[in-house]
């Protein structure tokens, strides 16, 4: 029998620090403080990708690109960007990695 439903996989983690919650929204003023060369992550093709700000553009948009994935270069706005979050475990929580 054929089904169009997606498969689901349940995994029991060994350590609950392996299961991290979604990161918080960007802090107030985060996008105002972004400069050329800052690292952020970009929502692209159903995933978050590390990119650098290449230019600030009018209307609150940014030109971003990847050193690792040369073909990933695009114009992005705040809805598709977020800080370069790092998970420090349950005790430390989410922190923003150094922007440079």
PDB file of N, CA and C in Angstrom:
ATOM      1  N   UNK A   1       0.834  -1.170   0.000  1.00  0.00           N
ATOM      2  CA  UNK A   1       0.000   0.000   0.000  1.00  0.00           C
ATOM      3  C   UNK A   1       0.893   1.251   0.000  1.00  0.00           C
ATOM      4  N   UNK A   2       0.556   2.215  -0.797  1.00  0.00           N
ATOM      5  CA  UNK A   2       1.325   3.460  -0.920  1.00  0.00           C
ATOM      6  C   UNK A   2       0.691   4.548  -0.066  1.00  0.00           C
ATOM      7  N   UNK A   3       1.547   5.330   0.580  1.00  0.00           N
ATOM      8  CA  UNK A   3       1.053   6.441   1.399  1.00  0.00           C
ATOM      9  C   UNK A   3       1.833   7.703   1.054  1.00  0.00           C
ATOM     10  N   UNK A   4       1.135   8.823   0.991  1.00  0.00           N
ATOM     11  CA  UNK A   4       1.788  10.103   0.728  1.00  0.00           C
ATOM     12  C   UNK A   4       2.250  10.794   2.008  1.00  0.00           C
ATOM     13  N   UNK A   5       1.996  10.194   3.156  1.00  0.00           N
ATOM     14  CA  UNK A   5       2.383  10.843   4.411  1.00  0.00           C
ATOM     15  C   UNK A   5       3.888  10.705   4.635  1.00  0.00           C
ATOM     16  N   UNK A   6       4.446  11.695   5.305  1.00  0.00           N
ATOM     17  CA  UNK A   6       5.871  11.689   5.606  1.00  0.00           C
ATOM     18  C   UNK A   6       6.167  10.700   6.718  1.00  0.00           C
ATOM     19  N   UNK A   7       7.335  10.114   6.668  1.00  0.00           N
ATOM     20  CA  UNK A   7       7.769   9.224   7.731  1.00  0.00           C
ATOM     21  C   UNK A   7       8.195  10.047   8.937  1.00  0.00           C
ATOM     22  N   UNK A   8       8.003   9.501  10.117  1.00  0.00           N
ATOM     23  CA  UNK A   8       8.439  10.150  11.352  1.00  0.00           C
ATOM     24  C   UNK A   8       9.353   9.190  12.084  1.00  0.00           C
ATOM     25  N   UNK A   9      10.429   9.712  12.624  1.00  0.00           N
ATOM     26  CA  UNK A   9      11.360   8.886  13.377  1.00  0.00           C
ATOM     27  C   UNK A   9      11.455   9.428  14.794  1.00  0.00           C
ATOM     28  N   UNK A  10      11.326   8.559  15.764  1.00  0.00           N
ATOM     29  CA  UNK A  10      11.418   8.945  17.166  1.00  0.00           C
ATOM     30  C   UNK A  10      12.756   8.485  17.700  1.00  0.00           C
ATOM     31  N   UNK A  11      13.487   9.397  18.320  1.00  0.00           N
ATOM     32  CA  UNK A  11      14.810   9.083  18.850  1.00  0.00           C
ATOM     33  C   UNK A  11      14.815   9.398  20.333  1.00  0.00           C
ATOM     34  N   UNK A  12      15.298   8.463  21.119  1.00  0.00           N
ATOM     35  CA  UNK A  12      15.445   8.690  22.559  1.00  0.00           C
ATOM     36  C   UNK A  12      16.872   9.178  22.810  1.00  0.00           C
ATOM     37  N   UNK A  13      17.056  10.442  23.176  1.00  0.00           N
ATOM     38  CA  UNK A  13      18.418  10.946  23.384  1.00  0.00           C
ATOM     39  C   UNK A  13      19.065  10.306  24.614  1.00  0.00           C
ATOM     40  N   UNK A  14      20.371  10.169  24.558  1.00  0.00           N
ATOM     41  CA  UNK A  14      21.131   9.657  25.694  1.00  0.00           C
ATOM     42  C   UNK A  14      21.243  10.734  26.774  1.00  0.00           C
ATOM     43  N   UNK A  15      21.335  11.965  26.342  1.00  0.00           N
ATOM     44  CA  UNK A  15      21.501  13.094  27.243  1.00  0.00           C
ATOM     45  C   UNK A  15      20.558  14.191  26.749  1.00  0.00           C
ATOM     46  N   UNK A  16      19.734  14.726  27.615  1.00  0.00           N
ATOM     47  CA  UNK A  16      18.761  15.714  27.168  1.00  0.00           C
ATOM     48  C   UNK A  16      19.399  17.029  26.755  1.00  0.00           C
ATOM     49  N   UNK A  17      20.706  17.235  27.009  1.00  0.00           N
ATOM     50  CA  UNK A  17      21.399  18.392  26.450  1.00  0.00           C
ATOM     51  C   UNK A  17      21.581  18.227  24.947  1.00  0.00           C
ATOM     52  N   UNK A  18      21.428  16.982  24.439  1.00  0.00           N
ATOM     53  CA  UNK A  18      21.511  16.755  22.999  1.00  0.00           C
ATOM     54  C   UNK A  18      20.292  17.326  22.279  1.00  0.00           C
ATOM     55  N   UNK A  19      19.193  17.469  22.988  1.00  0.00           N
ATOM     56  CA  UNK A  19      17.966  18.008  22.409  1.00  0.00           C
ATOM     57  C   UNK A  19      17.896  19.475  22.797  1.00  0.00           C
ATOM     58  N   UNK A  20      18.069  20.325  21.838  1.00  0.00           N
ATOM     59  CA  UNK A  20      18.089  21.750  22.153  1.00  0.00           C
ATOM     60  C   UNK A  20      16.795  22.415  21.709  1.00  0.00           C
ATOM     61  N   UNK A  21      16.348  23.388  22.470  1.00  0.00           N
ATOM     62  CA  UNK A  21      15.142  24.115  22.072  1.00  0.00           C
ATOM     63  C   UNK A  21      15.457  25.067  20.916  1.00  0.00           C
ATOM     64  N   UNK A  22      14.428  25.548  20.276  1.00  0.00           N
ATOM     65  CA  UNK A  22      14.621  26.544  19.219  1.00  0.00           C
ATOM     66  C   UNK A  22      15.259  27.783  19.825  1.00  0.00           C
ATOM     67  N   UNK A  23      16.151  28.452  19.084  1.00  0.00           N
ATOM     68  CA  UNK A  23      16.763  29.665  19.629  1.00  0.00           C
ATOM     69  C   UNK A  23      15.745  30.786  19.774  1.00  0.00           C
ATOM     70  N   UNK A  24      16.041  31.740  20.642  1.00  0.00           N
ATOM     71  CA  UNK A  24      15.117  32.863  20.823  1.00  0.00           C
ATOM     72  C   UNK A  24      15.158  33.807  19.624  1.00  0.00           C
ATOM     73  N   UNK A  25      14.230  34.736  19.555  1.00  0.00           N
ATOM     74  CA  UNK A  25      14.294  35.744  18.481  1.00  0.00           C
ATOM     75  C   UNK A  25      15.529  36.621  18.680  1.00  0.00           C
ATOM     76  N   UNK A  26      15.958  37.305  17.632  1.00  0.00           N
ATOM     77  CA  UNK A  26      17.113  38.198  17.771  1.00  0.00           C
ATOM     78  C   UNK A  26      16.855  39.261  18.838  1.00  0.00           C
ATOM     79  N   UNK A  27      17.900  39.649  19.574  1.00  0.00           N
ATOM     80  CA  UNK A  27      17.713  40.705  20.573  1.00  0.00           C
ATOM     81  C   UNK A  27      17.370  42.038  19.902  1.00  0.00           C
ATOM     82  N   UNK A  28      16.738  42.910  20.655  1.00  0.00           N
ATOM     83  CA  UNK A  28      16.398  44.235  20.137  1.00  0.00           C
ATOM     84  C   UNK A  28      17.650  44.931  19.612  1.00  0.00           C
ATOM     85  N   UNK A  29      17.530  45.545  18.454  1.00  0.00           N
ATOM     86  CA  UNK A  29      18.632  46.298  17.866  1.00  0.00           C
ATOM     87  C   UNK A  29      19.682  45.451  17.175  1.00  0.00           C
ATOM     88  N   UNK A  30      19.489  44.140  17.118  1.00  0.00           N
ATOM     89  CA  UNK A  30      20.508  43.266  16.509  1.00  0.00           C
ATOM     90  C   UNK A  30      20.790  43.660  15.064  1.00  0.00           C
ATOM     91  N   UNK A  31      19.749  43.845  14.269  1.00  0.00           N
ATOM     92  CA  UNK A  31      19.939  44.137  12.848  1.00  0.00           C
ATOM     93  C   UNK A  31      20.490  45.542  12.619  1.00  0.00           C
ATOM     94  N   UNK A  32      20.167  46.480  13.510  1.00  0.00           N
ATOM     95  CA  UNK A  32      20.720  47.835  13.394  1.00  0.00           C
ATOM     96  C   UNK A  32      22.231  47.830  13.585  1.00  0.00           C
ATOM     97  N   UNK A  33      22.730  46.892  14.368  1.00  0.00           N
ATOM     98  CA  UNK A  33      24.161  46.832  14.661  1.00  0.00           C
ATOM     99  C   UNK A  33      24.977  45.984  13.710  1.00  0.00           C
ATOM    100  N   UNK A  34      24.335  45.356  12.718  1.00  0.00           N
ATOM    101  CA  UNK A  34      25.093  44.510  11.791  1.00  0.00           C
ATOM    102  C   UNK A  34      25.970  45.347  10.874  1.00  0.00           C
ATOM    103  N   UNK A  35      27.169  44.847  10.639  1.00  0.00           N
ATOM    104  CA  UNK A  35      28.123  45.527   9.767  1.00  0.00           C
ATOM    105  C   UNK A  35      28.675  44.539   8.743  1.00  0.00           C
ATOM    106  N   UNK A  36      29.263  45.056   7.702  1.00  0.00           N
ATOM    107  CA  UNK A  36      29.883  44.219   6.679  1.00  0.00           C
ATOM    108  C   UNK A  36      30.921  43.318   7.353  1.00  0.00           C
ATOM    109  N   UNK A  37      30.869  42.031   7.022  1.00  0.00           N
ATOM    110  CA  UNK A  37      31.789  41.049   7.591  1.00  0.00           C
ATOM    111  C   UNK A  37      31.223  40.275   8.767  1.00  0.00           C
ATOM    112  N   UNK A  38      30.111  40.740   9.347  1.00  0.00           N
ATOM    113  CA  UNK A  38      29.501  40.030  10.475  1.00  0.00           C
ATOM    114  C   UNK A  38      28.922  38.695  10.013  1.00  0.00           C
ATOM    115  N   UNK A  39      29.035  37.684  10.866  1.00  0.00           N
ATOM    116  CA  UNK A  39      28.469  36.371  10.581  1.00  0.00           C
ATOM    117  C   UNK A  39      27.053  36.289  11.131  1.00  0.00           C
ATOM    118  N   UNK A  40      26.166  35.773  10.310  1.00  0.00           N
ATOM    119  CA  UNK A  40      24.771  35.526  10.689  1.00  0.00           C
ATOM    120  C   UNK A  40      24.384  34.184  10.067  1.00  0.00           C
ATOM    121  N   UNK A  41      23.155  33.747  10.287  1.00  0.00           N
ATOM    122  CA  UNK A  41      22.666  32.566   9.581  1.00  0.00           C
ATOM    123  C   UNK A  41      21.453  32.952   8.752  1.00  0.00           C
ATOM    124  N   UNK A  42      21.330  32.310   7.605  1.00  0.00           N
ATOM    125  CA  UNK A  42      20.305  32.615   6.606  1.00  0.00           C
ATOM    126  C   UNK A  42      19.390  31.417   6.427  1.00  0.00           C
ATOM    127  N   UNK A  43      18.080  31.639   6.465  1.00  0.00           N
ATOM    128  CA  UNK A  43      17.106  30.592   6.163  1.00  0.00           C
ATOM    129  C   UNK A  43      17.027  30.460   4.651  1.00  0.00           C
ATOM    130  N   UNK A  44      17.428  29.301   4.137  1.00  0.00           N
ATOM    131  CA  UNK A  44      17.485  29.085   2.692  1.00  0.00           C
ATOM    132  C   UNK A  44      17.259  27.599   2.419  1.00  0.00           C
ATOM    133  N   UNK A  45      16.325  27.298   1.550  1.00  0.00           N
ATOM    134  CA  UNK A  45      16.007  25.922   1.171  1.00  0.00           C
ATOM    135  C   UNK A  45      15.804  25.024   2.391  1.00  0.00           C
ATOM    136  N   UNK A  46      14.948  25.475   3.310  1.00  0.00           N
ATOM    137  CA  UNK A  46      14.516  24.709   4.486  1.00  0.00           C
ATOM    138  C   UNK A  46      15.627  24.430   5.494  1.00  0.00           C
ATOM    139  N   UNK A  47      16.637  25.297   5.543  1.00  0.00           N
ATOM    140  CA  UNK A  47      17.695  25.124   6.533  1.00  0.00           C
ATOM    141  C   UNK A  47      18.391  26.439   6.830  1.00  0.00           C
ATOM    142  N   UNK A  48      19.099  26.490   7.945  1.00  0.00           N
ATOM    143  CA  UNK A  48      19.863  27.663   8.345  1.00  0.00           C
ATOM    144  C   UNK A  48      21.310  27.480   7.911  1.00  0.00           C
ATOM    145  N   UNK A  49      21.841  28.464   7.166  1.00  0.00           N
ATOM    146  CA  UNK A  49      23.182  28.388   6.597  1.00  0.00           C
ATOM    147  C   UNK A  49      24.037  29.541   7.114  1.00  0.00           C
ATOM    148  N   UNK A  50      25.313  29.259   7.441  1.00  0.00           N
ATOM    149  CA  UNK A  50      26.198  30.343   7.885  1.00  0.00           C
ATOM    150  C   UNK A  50      26.581  31.241   6.710  1.00  0.00           C
ATOM    151  N   UNK A  51      26.410  32.535   6.891  1.00  0.00           N
ATOM    152  CA  UNK A  51      26.769  33.517   5.858  1.00  0.00           C
ATOM    153  C   UNK A  51      27.391  34.741   6.531  1.00  0.00           C
ATOM    154  N   UNK A  52      27.979  35.586   5.697  1.00  0.00           N
ATOM    155  CA  UNK A  52      28.516  36.865   6.166  1.00  0.00           C
ATOM    156  C   UNK A  52      27.775  37.994   5.475  1.00  0.00           C
ATOM    157  N   UNK A  53      27.627  39.083   6.196  1.00  0.00           N
ATOM    158  CA  UNK A  53      27.029  40.280   5.608  1.00  0.00           C
ATOM    159  C   UNK A  53      28.049  40.865   4.638  1.00  0.00           C
ATOM    160  N   UNK A  54      27.652  41.019   3.387  1.00  0.00           N
ATOM    161  CA  UNK A  54      28.533  41.596   2.356  1.00  0.00           C
ATOM    162  C   UNK A  54      28.258  43.090   2.171  1.00  0.00           C
ATOM    163  N   UNK A  55      26.989  43.488   2.377  1.00  0.00           N
ATOM    164  CA  UNK A  55      26.623  44.900   2.230  1.00  0.00           C
ATOM    165  C   UNK A  55      25.283  45.142   2.914  1.00  0.00           C
ATOM    166  N   UNK A  56      25.105  46.359   3.417  1.00  0.00           N
ATOM    167  CA  UNK A  56      23.797  46.812   3.915  1.00  0.00           C
ATOM    168  C   UNK A  56      23.141  47.553   2.770  1.00  0.00           C
ATOM    169  N   UNK A  57      21.865  47.297   2.564  1.00  0.00           N
ATOM    170  CA  UNK A  57      21.153  47.942   1.474  1.00  0.00           C
ATOM    171  C   UNK A  57      19.967  48.718   2.023  1.00  0.00           C
ATOM    172  N   UNK A  58      19.391  49.550   1.194  1.00  0.00           N
ATOM    173  CA  UNK A  58      18.242  50.356   1.607  1.00  0.00           C
ATOM    174  C   UNK A  58      17.063  49.469   1.964  1.00  0.00           C
ATOM    175  N   UNK A  59      16.216  49.956   2.820  1.00  0.00           N
ATOM    176  CA  UNK A  59      15.005  49.235   3.171  1.00  0.00           C
ATOM    177  C   UNK A  59      15.214  48.107   4.169  1.00  0.00           C
ATOM    178  N   UNK A  60      16.343  48.113   4.864  1.00  0.00           N
ATOM    179  CA  UNK A  60      16.571  47.089   5.877  1.00  0.00           C
ATOM    180  C   UNK A  60      16.959  45.731   5.329  1.00  0.00           C
ATOM    181  N   UNK A  61      17.479  45.696   4.109  1.00  0.00           N
ATOM    182  CA  UNK A  61      17.927  44.424   3.547  1.00  0.00           C
ATOM    183  C   UNK A  61      19.451  44.366   3.553  1.00  0.00           C
ATOM    184  N   UNK A  62      19.946  43.148   3.392  1.00  0.00           N
ATOM    185  CA  UNK A  62      21.384  42.905   3.430  1.00  0.00           C
ATOM    186  C   UNK A  62      21.771  42.017   2.254  1.00  0.00           C
ATOM    187  N   UNK A  63      22.936  42.253   1.710  1.00  0.00           N
ATOM    188  CA  UNK A  63      23.510  41.332   0.735  1.00  0.00           C
ATOM    189  C   UNK A  63      24.387  40.386   1.546  1.00  0.00           C
ATOM    190  N   UNK A  64      24.123  39.086   1.466  1.00  0.00           N
ATOM    191  CA  UNK A  64      24.878  38.102   2.238  1.00  0.00           C
ATOM    192  C   UNK A  64      25.478  37.068   1.299  1.00  0.00           C
ATOM    193  N   UNK A  65      26.562  36.447   1.748  1.00  0.00           N
ATOM    194  CA  UNK A  65      27.203  35.404   0.959  1.00  0.00           C
ATOM    195  C   UNK A  65      27.946  34.452   1.865  1.00  0.00           C
ATOM    196  N   UNK A  66      28.344  33.338   1.302  1.00  0.00           N
ATOM    197  CA  UNK A  66      29.013  32.295   2.060  1.00  0.00           C
ATOM    198  C   UNK A  66      30.433  32.093   1.554  1.00  0.00           C
ATOM    199  N   UNK A  67      31.385  31.975   2.476  1.00  0.00           N
ATOM    200  CA  UNK A  67      32.753  31.621   2.107  1.00  0.00           C
ATOM    201  C   UNK A  67      32.844  30.123   1.814  1.00  0.00           C
ATOM    202  N   UNK A  68      32.005  29.337   2.475  1.00  0.00           N
ATOM    203  CA  UNK A  68      32.028  27.880   2.336  1.00  0.00           C
ATOM    204  C   UNK A  68      31.268  27.422   1.094  1.00  0.00           C
ATOM    205  N   UNK A  69      30.150  28.089   0.813  1.00  0.00           N
ATOM    206  CA  UNK A  69      29.306  27.743  -0.329  1.00  0.00           C
ATOM    207  C   UNK A  69      29.273  28.931  -1.277  1.00  0.00           C
ATOM    208  N   UNK A  70      30.219  29.018  -2.202  1.00  0.00           N
ATOM    209  CA  UNK A  70      30.344  30.206  -3.053  1.00  0.00           C
ATOM    210  C   UNK A  70      29.077  30.562  -3.830  1.00  0.00           C
ATOM    211  N   UNK A  71      28.242  29.587  -4.159  1.00  0.00           N
ATOM    212  CA  UNK A  71      27.022  29.868  -4.908  1.00  0.00           C
ATOM    213  C   UNK A  71      25.927  30.494  -4.063  1.00  0.00           C
ATOM    214  N   UNK A  72      26.131  30.525  -2.749  1.00  0.00           N
ATOM    215  CA  UNK A  72      25.107  31.074  -1.857  1.00  0.00           C
ATOM    216  C   UNK A  72      25.380  32.557  -1.629  1.00  0.00           C
ATOM    217  N   UNK A  73      24.768  33.362  -2.448  1.00  0.00           N
ATOM    218  CA  UNK A  73      24.867  34.812  -2.347  1.00  0.00           C
ATOM    219  C   UNK A  73      23.504  35.371  -2.701  1.00  0.00           C
ATOM    220  N   UNK A  74      22.963  36.191  -1.811  1.00  0.00           N
ATOM    221  CA  UNK A  74      21.618  36.706  -2.072  1.00  0.00           C
ATOM    222  C   UNK A  74      21.304  37.915  -1.226  1.00  0.00           C
ATOM    223  N   UNK A  75      20.216  38.557  -1.586  1.00  0.00           N
ATOM    224  CA  UNK A  75      19.681  39.665  -0.812  1.00  0.00           C
ATOM    225  C   UNK A  75      18.746  39.069   0.229  1.00  0.00           C
ATOM    226  N   UNK A  76      18.847  39.517   1.463  1.00  0.00           N
ATOM    227  CA  UNK A  76      18.029  38.957   2.539  1.00  0.00           C
ATOM    228  C   UNK A  76      17.520  40.073   3.432  1.00  0.00           C
ATOM    229  N   UNK A  77      16.362  39.830   4.033  1.00  0.00           N
ATOM    230  CA  UNK A  77      15.842  40.789   5.007  1.00  0.00           C
ATOM    231  C   UNK A  77      15.828  40.126   6.385  1.00  0.00           C
ATOM    232  N   UNK A  78      15.390  40.846   7.368  1.00  0.00           N
ATOM    233  CA  UNK A  78      15.438  40.366   8.751  1.00  0.00           C
ATOM    234  C   UNK A  78      14.606  39.106   8.964  1.00  0.00           C
ATOM    235  N   UNK A  79      13.599  38.858   8.144  1.00  0.00           N
ATOM    236  CA  UNK A  79      12.776  37.662   8.340  1.00  0.00           C
ATOM    237  C   UNK A  79      13.516  36.380   7.955  1.00  0.00           C
ATOM    238  N   UNK A  80      14.576  36.497   7.164  1.00  0.00           N
ATOM    239  CA  UNK A  80      15.334  35.311   6.750  1.00  0.00           C
ATOM    240  C   UNK A  80      16.721  35.253   7.381  1.00  0.00           C
ATOM    241  N   UNK A  81      17.023  36.178   8.280  1.00  0.00           N
ATOM    242  CA  UNK A  81      18.316  36.189   8.960  1.00  0.00           C
ATOM    243  C   UNK A  81      18.127  36.050  10.461  1.00  0.00           C
ATOM    244  N   UNK A  82      19.124  35.520  11.114  1.00  0.00           N
ATOM    245  CA  UNK A  82      19.129  35.467  12.575  1.00  0.00           C
ATOM    246  C   UNK A  82      20.574  35.507  13.048  1.00  0.00           C
ATOM    247  N   UNK A  83      20.781  35.777  14.330  1.00  0.00           N
ATOM    248  CA  UNK A  83      22.146  35.765  14.862  1.00  0.00           C
ATOM    249  C   UNK A  83      22.794  34.395  14.685  1.00  0.00           C
ATOM    250  N   UNK A  84      24.080  34.377  14.792  1.00  0.00           N
ATOM    251  CA  UNK A  84      24.850  33.142  14.726  1.00  0.00           C
ATOM    252  C   UNK A  84      24.802  32.488  16.108  1.00  0.00           C
ATOM    253  N   UNK A  85      23.666  31.861  16.430  1.00  0.00           N
ATOM    254  CA  UNK A  85      23.439  31.296  17.753  1.00  0.00           C
ATOM    255  C   UNK A  85      24.309  30.068  17.989  1.00  0.00           C
ATOM    256  N   UNK A  86      24.753  29.888  19.229  1.00  0.00           N
ATOM    257  CA  UNK A  86      25.482  28.694  19.668  1.00  0.00           C
ATOM    258  C   UNK A  86      24.790  28.133  20.901  1.00  0.00           C
ATOM    259  N   UNK A  87      24.567  26.823  20.923  1.00  0.00           N
ATOM    260  CA  UNK A  87      23.935  26.156  22.053  1.00  0.00           C
ATOM    261  C   UNK A  87      25.019  25.733  23.028  1.00  0.00           C
ATOM    262  N   UNK A  88      24.931  26.206  24.250  1.00  0.00           N
ATOM    263  CA  UNK A  88      25.918  25.901  25.280  1.00  0.00           C
ATOM    264  C   UNK A  88      25.450  24.858  26.272  1.00  0.00           C
ATOM    265  N   UNK A  89      24.371  24.170  25.968  1.00  0.00           N
ATOM    266  CA  UNK A  89      23.822  23.187  26.889  1.00  0.00           C
ATOM    267  C   UNK A  89      22.736  23.805  27.744  1.00  0.00           C
ATOM    268  N   UNK A  90      22.111  22.944  28.515  1.00  0.00           N
ATOM    269  CA  UNK A  90      20.964  23.380  29.315  1.00  0.00           C
ATOM    270  C   UNK A  90      21.334  24.498  30.292  1.00  0.00           C
ATOM    271  N   UNK A  91      22.527  24.456  30.851  1.00  0.00           N
ATOM    272  CA  UNK A  91      22.923  25.470  31.838  1.00  0.00           C
ATOM    273  C   UNK A  91      23.250  26.809  31.182  1.00  0.00           C
ATOM    274  N   UNK A  92      23.973  26.778  30.082  1.00  0.00           N
ATOM    275  CA  UNK A  92      24.399  28.021  29.431  1.00  0.00           C
ATOM    276  C   UNK A  92      23.336  28.572  28.485  1.00  0.00           C
ATOM    277  N   UNK A  93      22.551  27.687  27.869  1.00  0.00           N
ATOM    278  CA  UNK A  93      21.527  28.134  26.935  1.00  0.00           C
ATOM    279  C   UNK A  93      22.107  28.643  25.626  1.00  0.00           C
ATOM    280  N   UNK A  94      21.364  29.510  24.974  1.00  0.00           N
ATOM    281  CA  UNK A  94      21.776  30.085  23.686  1.00  0.00           C
ATOM    282  C   UNK A  94      22.605  31.339  23.899  1.00  0.00           C
ATOM    283  N   UNK A  95      23.682  31.461  23.145  1.00  0.00           N
ATOM    284  CA  UNK A  95      24.496  32.679  23.115  1.00  0.00           C
ATOM    285  C   UNK A  95      24.779  33.030  21.666  1.00  0.00           C
ATOM    286  N   UNK A  96      25.039  34.283  21.411  1.00  0.00           N
ATOM    287  CA  UNK A  96      25.412  34.711  20.065  1.00  0.00           C
ATOM    288  C   UNK A  96      26.925  34.590  19.951  1.00  0.00           C
ATOM    289  N   UNK A  97      27.368  33.822  18.959  1.00  0.00           N
ATOM    290  CA  UNK A  97      28.807  33.663  18.714  1.00  0.00           C
ATOM    291  C   UNK A  97      29.382  35.000  18.258  1.00  0.00           C
ATOM    292  N   UNK A  98      30.662  35.148  18.398  1.00  0.00           N
ATOM    293  CA  UNK A  98      31.343  36.367  17.962  1.00  0.00           C
ATOM    294  C   UNK A  98      30.928  36.675  16.523  1.00  0.00           C
ATOM    295  N   UNK A  99      30.558  37.917  16.259  1.00  0.00           N
ATOM    296  CA  UNK A  99      30.027  38.284  14.944  1.00  0.00           C
ATOM    297  C   UNK A  99      31.098  38.330  13.861  1.00  0.00           C
ATOM    298  N   UNK A 100      32.355  38.398  14.217  1.00  0.00           N
ATOM    299  CA  UNK A 100      33.424  38.485  13.202  1.00  0.00           C
ATOM    300  C   UNK A 100      34.107  37.155  13.020  1.00  0.00           C
TER     301      UNK A 100
END
